[in-house]
PDB file of N, CA and C in Angstrom:
ATOM      1  N   UNK A   1       0.823  -1.184   0.002  1.00  0.00           N
ATOM      2  CA  UNK A   1      -0.005   0.002   0.003  1.00  0.00           C
ATOM      3  C   UNK A   1       0.869   1.241  -0.005  1.00  0.00           C
ATOM      4  N   UNK A   2       0.335   2.319  -0.572  1.00  0.00           N
ATOM      5  CA  UNK A   2       1.089   3.557  -0.676  1.00  0.00           C
ATOM      6  C   UNK A   2       1.255   4.184   0.716  1.00  0.00           C
ATOM      7  N   UNK A   3       2.224   5.119   0.810  1.00  0.00           N
ATOM      8  CA  UNK A   3       2.428   5.867   2.038  1.00  0.00           C
ATOM      9  C   UNK A   3       1.151   6.629   2.384  1.00  0.00           C
ATOM     10  N   UNK A   4       0.808   6.642   3.656  1.00  0.00           N
ATOM     11  CA  UNK A   4      -0.438   7.271   4.078  1.00  0.00           C
ATOM     12  C   UNK A   4      -0.288   8.784   4.062  1.00  0.00           C
ATOM     13  N   UNK A   5      -1.319   9.463   3.579  1.00  0.00           N
ATOM     14  CA  UNK A   5      -1.343  10.928   3.605  1.00  0.00           C
ATOM     15  C   UNK A   5      -2.740  11.379   4.018  1.00  0.00           C
ATOM     16  N   UNK A   6      -2.799  12.581   4.605  1.00  0.00           N
ATOM     17  CA  UNK A   6      -4.066  13.170   4.988  1.00  0.00           C
ATOM     18  C   UNK A   6      -4.721  13.747   3.749  1.00  0.00           C
ATOM     19  N   UNK A   7      -5.842  13.203   3.359  1.00  0.00           N
ATOM     20  CA  UNK A   7      -6.634  13.642   2.213  1.00  0.00           C
ATOM     21  C   UNK A   7      -8.016  12.997   2.335  1.00  0.00           C
ATOM     22  N   UNK A   8      -8.915  13.293   1.429  1.00  0.00           N
ATOM     23  CA  UNK A   8     -10.226  12.658   1.439  1.00  0.00           C
ATOM     24  C   UNK A   8     -10.084  11.192   1.042  1.00  0.00           C
ATOM     25  N   UNK A   9     -10.785  10.323   1.765  1.00  0.00           N
ATOM     26  CA  UNK A   9     -10.803   8.878   1.485  1.00  0.00           C
ATOM     27  C   UNK A   9     -12.232   8.374   1.540  1.00  0.00           C
ATOM     28  N   UNK A  10     -12.524   7.366   0.743  1.00  0.00           N
ATOM     29  CA  UNK A  10     -13.790   6.674   0.944  1.00  0.00           C
ATOM     30  C   UNK A  10     -13.623   5.859   2.242  1.00  0.00           C
ATOM     31  N   UNK A  11     -14.717   5.456   2.812  1.00  0.00           N
ATOM     32  CA  UNK A  11     -14.637   4.601   3.998  1.00  0.00           C
ATOM     33  C   UNK A  11     -13.874   3.319   3.700  1.00  0.00           C
ATOM     34  N   UNK A  12     -14.125   2.767   2.529  1.00  0.00           N
ATOM     35  CA  UNK A  12     -13.442   1.542   2.145  1.00  0.00           C
ATOM     36  C   UNK A  12     -11.930   1.727   2.067  1.00  0.00           C
ATOM     37  N   UNK A  13     -11.490   2.818   1.423  1.00  0.00           N
ATOM     38  CA  UNK A  13     -10.057   3.061   1.274  1.00  0.00           C
ATOM     39  C   UNK A  13      -9.398   3.229   2.632  1.00  0.00           C
ATOM     40  N   UNK A  14      -9.993   4.041   3.512  1.00  0.00           N
ATOM     41  CA  UNK A  14      -9.382   4.263   4.811  1.00  0.00           C
ATOM     42  C   UNK A  14      -9.386   3.011   5.662  1.00  0.00           C
ATOM     43  N   UNK A  15     -10.485   2.270   5.593  1.00  0.00           N
ATOM     44  CA  UNK A  15     -10.571   1.031   6.353  1.00  0.00           C
ATOM     45  C   UNK A  15      -9.488   0.041   5.932  1.00  0.00           C
ATOM     46  N   UNK A  16      -9.177  -0.017   4.660  1.00  0.00           N
ATOM     47  CA  UNK A  16      -8.142  -0.935   4.187  1.00  0.00           C
ATOM     48  C   UNK A  16      -6.737  -0.496   4.593  1.00  0.00           C
ATOM     49  N   UNK A  17      -6.552   0.798   4.850  1.00  0.00           N
ATOM     50  CA  UNK A  17      -5.276   1.242   5.400  1.00  0.00           C
ATOM     51  C   UNK A  17      -5.136   0.712   6.849  1.00  0.00           C
ATOM     52  N   UNK A  18      -6.236   0.779   7.591  1.00  0.00           N
ATOM     53  CA  UNK A  18      -6.173   0.331   9.003  1.00  0.00           C
ATOM     54  C   UNK A  18      -6.208  -1.213   9.092  1.00  0.00           C
ATOM     55  N   UNK A  19      -6.892  -1.848   8.173  1.00  0.00           N
ATOM     56  CA  UNK A  19      -7.052  -3.311   8.243  1.00  0.00           C
ATOM     57  C   UNK A  19      -6.704  -3.953   6.885  1.00  0.00           C
ATOM     58  N   UNK A  20      -5.435  -3.913   6.485  1.00  0.00           N
ATOM     59  CA  UNK A  20      -5.060  -4.409   5.151  1.00  0.00           C
ATOM     60  C   UNK A  20      -5.240  -5.908   4.979  1.00  0.00           C
ATOM     61  N   UNK A  21      -5.361  -6.663   6.067  1.00  0.00           N
ATOM     62  CA  UNK A  21      -5.500  -8.118   5.947  1.00  0.00           C
ATOM     63  C   UNK A  21      -6.942  -8.564   6.155  1.00  0.00           C
ATOM     64  N   UNK A  22      -7.870  -7.615   6.172  1.00  0.00           N
ATOM     65  CA  UNK A  22      -9.280  -7.993   6.341  1.00  0.00           C
ATOM     66  C   UNK A  22      -9.711  -8.901   5.194  1.00  0.00           C
ATOM     67  N   UNK A  23     -10.639  -9.794   5.482  1.00  0.00           N
ATOM     68  CA  UNK A  23     -11.121 -10.740   4.473  1.00  0.00           C
ATOM     69  C   UNK A  23     -11.751 -10.028   3.276  1.00  0.00           C
ATOM     70  N   UNK A  24     -12.458  -8.944   3.570  1.00  0.00           N
ATOM     71  CA  UNK A  24     -13.087  -8.161   2.501  1.00  0.00           C
ATOM     72  C   UNK A  24     -13.266  -6.714   2.947  1.00  0.00           C
ATOM     73  N   UNK A  25     -13.644  -5.852   2.024  1.00  0.00           N
ATOM     74  CA  UNK A  25     -13.772  -4.441   2.376  1.00  0.00           C
ATOM     75  C   UNK A  25     -14.917  -4.200   3.363  1.00  0.00           C
ATOM     76  N   UNK A  26     -15.962  -4.980   3.269  1.00  0.00           N
ATOM     77  CA  UNK A  26     -17.106  -4.800   4.187  1.00  0.00           C
ATOM     78  C   UNK A  26     -16.656  -5.026   5.639  1.00  0.00           C
ATOM     79  N   UNK A  27     -15.910  -6.068   5.894  1.00  0.00           N
ATOM     80  CA  UNK A  27     -15.457  -6.326   7.265  1.00  0.00           C
ATOM     81  C   UNK A  27     -14.461  -5.269   7.724  1.00  0.00           C
ATOM     82  N   UNK A  28     -13.619  -4.763   6.824  1.00  0.00           N
ATOM     83  CA  UNK A  28     -12.694  -3.705   7.193  1.00  0.00           C
ATOM     84  C   UNK A  28     -13.459  -2.432   7.596  1.00  0.00           C
ATOM     85  N   UNK A  29     -14.483  -2.074   6.831  1.00  0.00           N
ATOM     86  CA  UNK A  29     -15.261  -0.880   7.156  1.00  0.00           C
ATOM     87  C   UNK A  29     -16.003  -1.067   8.486  1.00  0.00           C
ATOM     88  N   UNK A  30     -16.562  -2.275   8.692  1.00  0.00           N
ATOM     89  CA  UNK A  30     -17.269  -2.524   9.971  1.00  0.00           C
ATOM     90  C   UNK A  30     -16.313  -2.371  11.149  1.00  0.00           C
ATOM     91  N   UNK A  31     -15.099  -2.878  11.027  1.00  0.00           N
ATOM     92  CA  UNK A  31     -14.140  -2.771  12.113  1.00  0.00           C
ATOM     93  C   UNK A  31     -13.726  -1.330  12.360  1.00  0.00           C
ATOM     94  N   UNK A  32     -13.453  -0.578  11.286  1.00  0.00           N
ATOM     95  CA  UNK A  32     -13.109   0.842  11.439  1.00  0.00           C
ATOM     96  C   UNK A  32     -14.224   1.617  12.112  1.00  0.00           C
ATOM     97  N   UNK A  33     -15.436   1.397  11.647  1.00  0.00           N
ATOM     98  CA  UNK A  33     -16.573   2.127  12.228  1.00  0.00           C
ATOM     99  C   UNK A  33     -16.805   1.730  13.663  1.00  0.00           C
ATOM    100  N   UNK A  34     -16.513   0.500  14.023  1.00  0.00           N
ATOM    101  CA  UNK A  34     -16.618   0.050  15.393  1.00  0.00           C
ATOM    102  C   UNK A  34     -15.604   0.807  16.273  1.00  0.00           C
ATOM    103  N   UNK A  35     -14.370   0.917  15.776  1.00  0.00           N
ATOM    104  CA  UNK A  35     -13.343   1.689  16.507  1.00  0.00           C
ATOM    105  C   UNK A  35     -13.809   3.125  16.704  1.00  0.00           C
ATOM    106  N   UNK A  36     -14.319   3.744  15.631  1.00  0.00           N
ATOM    107  CA  UNK A  36     -14.783   5.140  15.699  1.00  0.00           C
ATOM    108  C   UNK A  36     -15.917   5.258  16.699  1.00  0.00           C
ATOM    109  N   UNK A  37     -16.875   4.371  16.625  1.00  0.00           N
ATOM    110  CA  UNK A  37     -18.045   4.458  17.513  1.00  0.00           C
ATOM    111  C   UNK A  37     -17.714   4.216  18.992  1.00  0.00           C
ATOM    112  N   UNK A  38     -16.641   3.492  19.247  1.00  0.00           N
ATOM    113  CA  UNK A  38     -16.241   3.250  20.639  1.00  0.00           C
ATOM    114  C   UNK A  38     -15.337   4.330  21.202  1.00  0.00           C
ATOM    115  N   UNK A  39     -14.940   5.274  20.392  1.00  0.00           N
ATOM    116  CA  UNK A  39     -14.088   6.395  20.859  1.00  0.00           C
ATOM    117  C   UNK A  39     -14.961   7.623  20.903  1.00  0.00           C
ATOM    118  N   UNK A  40     -15.521   7.922  22.073  1.00  0.00           N
ATOM    119  CA  UNK A  40     -16.455   9.028  22.231  1.00  0.00           C
ATOM    120  C   UNK A  40     -15.873  10.369  21.776  1.00  0.00           C
ATOM    121  N   UNK A  41     -14.599  10.630  22.123  1.00  0.00           N
ATOM    122  CA  UNK A  41     -13.972  11.889  21.741  1.00  0.00           C
ATOM    123  C   UNK A  41     -13.880  12.018  20.233  1.00  0.00           C
ATOM    124  N   UNK A  42     -13.529  10.938  19.571  1.00  0.00           N
ATOM    125  CA  UNK A  42     -13.446  10.944  18.113  1.00  0.00           C
ATOM    126  C   UNK A  42     -14.800  11.145  17.478  1.00  0.00           C
ATOM    127  N   UNK A  43     -15.766  10.397  17.933  1.00  0.00           N
ATOM    128  CA  UNK A  43     -17.117  10.499  17.374  1.00  0.00           C
ATOM    129  C   UNK A  43     -17.658  11.915  17.521  1.00  0.00           C
ATOM    130  N   UNK A  44     -17.442  12.519  18.706  1.00  0.00           N
ATOM    131  CA  UNK A  44     -17.891  13.888  18.955  1.00  0.00           C
ATOM    132  C   UNK A  44     -17.189  14.874  18.037  1.00  0.00           C
ATOM    133  N   UNK A  45     -15.881  14.677  17.849  1.00  0.00           N
ATOM    134  CA  UNK A  45     -15.105  15.559  16.962  1.00  0.00           C
ATOM    135  C   UNK A  45     -15.589  15.439  15.535  1.00  0.00           C
ATOM    136  N   UNK A  46     -15.834  14.220  15.066  1.00  0.00           N
ATOM    137  CA  UNK A  46     -16.330  14.033  13.688  1.00  0.00           C
ATOM    138  C   UNK A  46     -17.691  14.696  13.488  1.00  0.00           C
ATOM    139  N   UNK A  47     -18.577  14.521  14.444  1.00  0.00           N
ATOM    140  CA  UNK A  47     -19.909  15.105  14.328  1.00  0.00           C
ATOM    141  C   UNK A  47     -19.827  16.649  14.339  1.00  0.00           C
ATOM    142  N   UNK A  48     -18.902  17.194  15.106  1.00  0.00           N
ATOM    143  CA  UNK A  48     -18.716  18.641  15.157  1.00  0.00           C
ATOM    144  C   UNK A  48     -18.230  19.189  13.806  1.00  0.00           C
ATOM    145  N   UNK A  49     -17.570  18.350  13.027  1.00  0.00           N
ATOM    146  CA  UNK A  49     -17.067  18.786  11.704  1.00  0.00           C
ATOM    147  C   UNK A  49     -17.991  18.350  10.574  1.00  0.00           C
ATOM    148  N   UNK A  50     -19.223  17.961  10.899  1.00  0.00           N
ATOM    149  CA  UNK A  50     -20.230  17.685   9.872  1.00  0.00           C
ATOM    150  C   UNK A  50     -20.325  16.248   9.369  1.00  0.00           C
ATOM    151  N   UNK A  51     -19.648  15.318  10.043  1.00  0.00           N
ATOM    152  CA  UNK A  51     -19.700  13.914   9.619  1.00  0.00           C
ATOM    153  C   UNK A  51     -21.146  13.407   9.737  1.00  0.00           C
ATOM    154  N   UNK A  52     -21.585  12.702   8.716  1.00  0.00           N
ATOM    155  CA  UNK A  52     -22.888  12.039   8.714  1.00  0.00           C
ATOM    156  C   UNK A  52     -22.676  10.530   8.596  1.00  0.00           C
ATOM    157  N   UNK A  53     -23.410   9.774   9.382  1.00  0.00           N
ATOM    158  CA  UNK A  53     -23.263   8.317   9.423  1.00  0.00           C
ATOM    159  C   UNK A  53     -23.344   7.679   8.045  1.00  0.00           C
ATOM    160  N   UNK A  54     -24.210   8.174   7.181  1.00  0.00           N
ATOM    161  CA  UNK A  54     -24.421   7.565   5.879  1.00  0.00           C
ATOM    162  C   UNK A  54     -23.400   8.025   4.817  1.00  0.00           C
ATOM    163  N   UNK A  55     -22.526   8.906   5.186  1.00  0.00           N
ATOM    164  CA  UNK A  55     -21.541   9.419   4.234  1.00  0.00           C
ATOM    165  C   UNK A  55     -20.634   8.289   3.743  1.00  0.00           C
ATOM    166  N   UNK A  56     -20.275   8.351   2.491  1.00  0.00           N
ATOM    167  CA  UNK A  56     -19.368   7.347   1.893  1.00  0.00           C
ATOM    168  C   UNK A  56     -17.911   7.779   1.965  1.00  0.00           C
ATOM    169  N   UNK A  57     -17.684   9.060   2.285  1.00  0.00           N
ATOM    170  CA  UNK A  57     -16.345   9.639   2.283  1.00  0.00           C
ATOM    171  C   UNK A  57     -16.015  10.249   3.628  1.00  0.00           C
ATOM    172  N   UNK A  58     -14.736  10.307   3.935  1.00  0.00           N
ATOM    173  CA  UNK A  58     -14.209  11.095   5.042  1.00  0.00           C
ATOM    174  C   UNK A  58     -13.454  12.264   4.401  1.00  0.00           C
ATOM    175  N   UNK A  59     -13.765  13.482   4.882  1.00  0.00           N
ATOM    176  CA  UNK A  59     -13.032  14.683   4.374  1.00  0.00           C
ATOM    177  C   UNK A  59     -11.613  14.663   4.934  1.00  0.00           C
ATOM    178  N   UNK A  60     -10.720  15.478   4.388  1.00  0.00           N
ATOM    179  CA  UNK A  60      -9.388  15.539   4.934  1.00  0.00           C
ATOM    180  C   UNK A  60      -9.382  15.921   6.432  1.00  0.00           C
ATOM    181  N   UNK A  61     -10.277  16.822   6.833  1.00  0.00           N
ATOM    182  CA  UNK A  61     -10.359  17.203   8.253  1.00  0.00           C
ATOM    183  C   UNK A  61     -10.803  16.023   9.111  1.00  0.00           C
ATOM    184  N   UNK A  62     -11.740  15.228   8.627  1.00  0.00           N
ATOM    185  CA  UNK A  62     -12.200  14.045   9.349  1.00  0.00           C
ATOM    186  C   UNK A  62     -11.099  12.993   9.426  1.00  0.00           C
ATOM    187  N   UNK A  63     -10.365  12.818   8.361  1.00  0.00           N
ATOM    188  CA  UNK A  63      -9.239  11.865   8.351  1.00  0.00           C
ATOM    189  C   UNK A  63      -8.197  12.308   9.361  1.00  0.00           C
ATOM    190  N   UNK A  64      -7.915  13.601   9.405  1.00  0.00           N
ATOM    191  CA  UNK A  64      -6.936  14.114  10.371  1.00  0.00           C
ATOM    192  C   UNK A  64      -7.380  13.801  11.795  1.00  0.00           C
ATOM    193  N   UNK A  65      -8.642  13.998  12.063  1.00  0.00           N
ATOM    194  CA  UNK A  65      -9.204  13.712  13.388  1.00  0.00           C
ATOM    195  C   UNK A  65      -9.087  12.231  13.725  1.00  0.00           C
ATOM    196  N   UNK A  66      -9.385  11.377  12.765  1.00  0.00           N
ATOM    197  CA  UNK A  66      -9.285   9.921  12.984  1.00  0.00           C
ATOM    198  C   UNK A  66      -7.863   9.544  13.321  1.00  0.00           C
ATOM    199  N   UNK A  67      -6.915  10.072  12.574  1.00  0.00           N
ATOM    200  CA  UNK A  67      -5.505   9.767  12.819  1.00  0.00           C
ATOM    201  C   UNK A  67      -5.050  10.294  14.173  1.00  0.00           C
ATOM    202  N   UNK A  68      -5.541  11.479  14.570  1.00  0.00           N
ATOM    203  CA  UNK A  68      -5.194  12.032  15.875  1.00  0.00           C
ATOM    204  C   UNK A  68      -5.675  11.146  17.028  1.00  0.00           C
ATOM    205  N   UNK A  69      -6.832  10.517  16.837  1.00  0.00           N
ATOM    206  CA  UNK A  69      -7.425   9.716  17.912  1.00  0.00           C
ATOM    207  C   UNK A  69      -7.017   8.231  17.844  1.00  0.00           C
ATOM    208  N   UNK A  70      -6.874   7.694  16.645  1.00  0.00           N
ATOM    209  CA  UNK A  70      -6.604   6.255  16.504  1.00  0.00           C
ATOM    210  C   UNK A  70      -5.147   5.962  16.149  1.00  0.00           C
ATOM    211  N   UNK A  71      -4.429   6.979  15.746  1.00  0.00           N
ATOM    212  CA  UNK A  71      -3.048   6.786  15.298  1.00  0.00           C
ATOM    213  C   UNK A  71      -3.022   6.585  13.787  1.00  0.00           C
ATOM    214  N   UNK A  72      -1.845   6.747  13.216  1.00  0.00           N
ATOM    215  CA  UNK A  72      -1.697   6.570  11.771  1.00  0.00           C
ATOM    216  C   UNK A  72      -1.733   5.073  11.433  1.00  0.00           C
ATOM    217  N   UNK A  73      -2.467   4.750  10.378  1.00  0.00           N
ATOM    218  CA  UNK A  73      -2.527   3.327   9.994  1.00  0.00           C
ATOM    219  C   UNK A  73      -1.192   2.783   9.520  1.00  0.00           C
TER     220      UNK A  73
END
């Protein structure tokens, strides 16, 4: 996988950075969203920046927040 950079990513793309050995993209996304949902500070920060649950993309600002809370993949 390429070197990680802060930019807009689909949920699938970002999830595969965090879980490159996942059986499929669906399970990778489920695991990433589980991590996000269990981190109250991250979830609050994402919501404050306009994140919507049904969104298919994370903005660069949302990706930055995820990396700040979960660490770089």
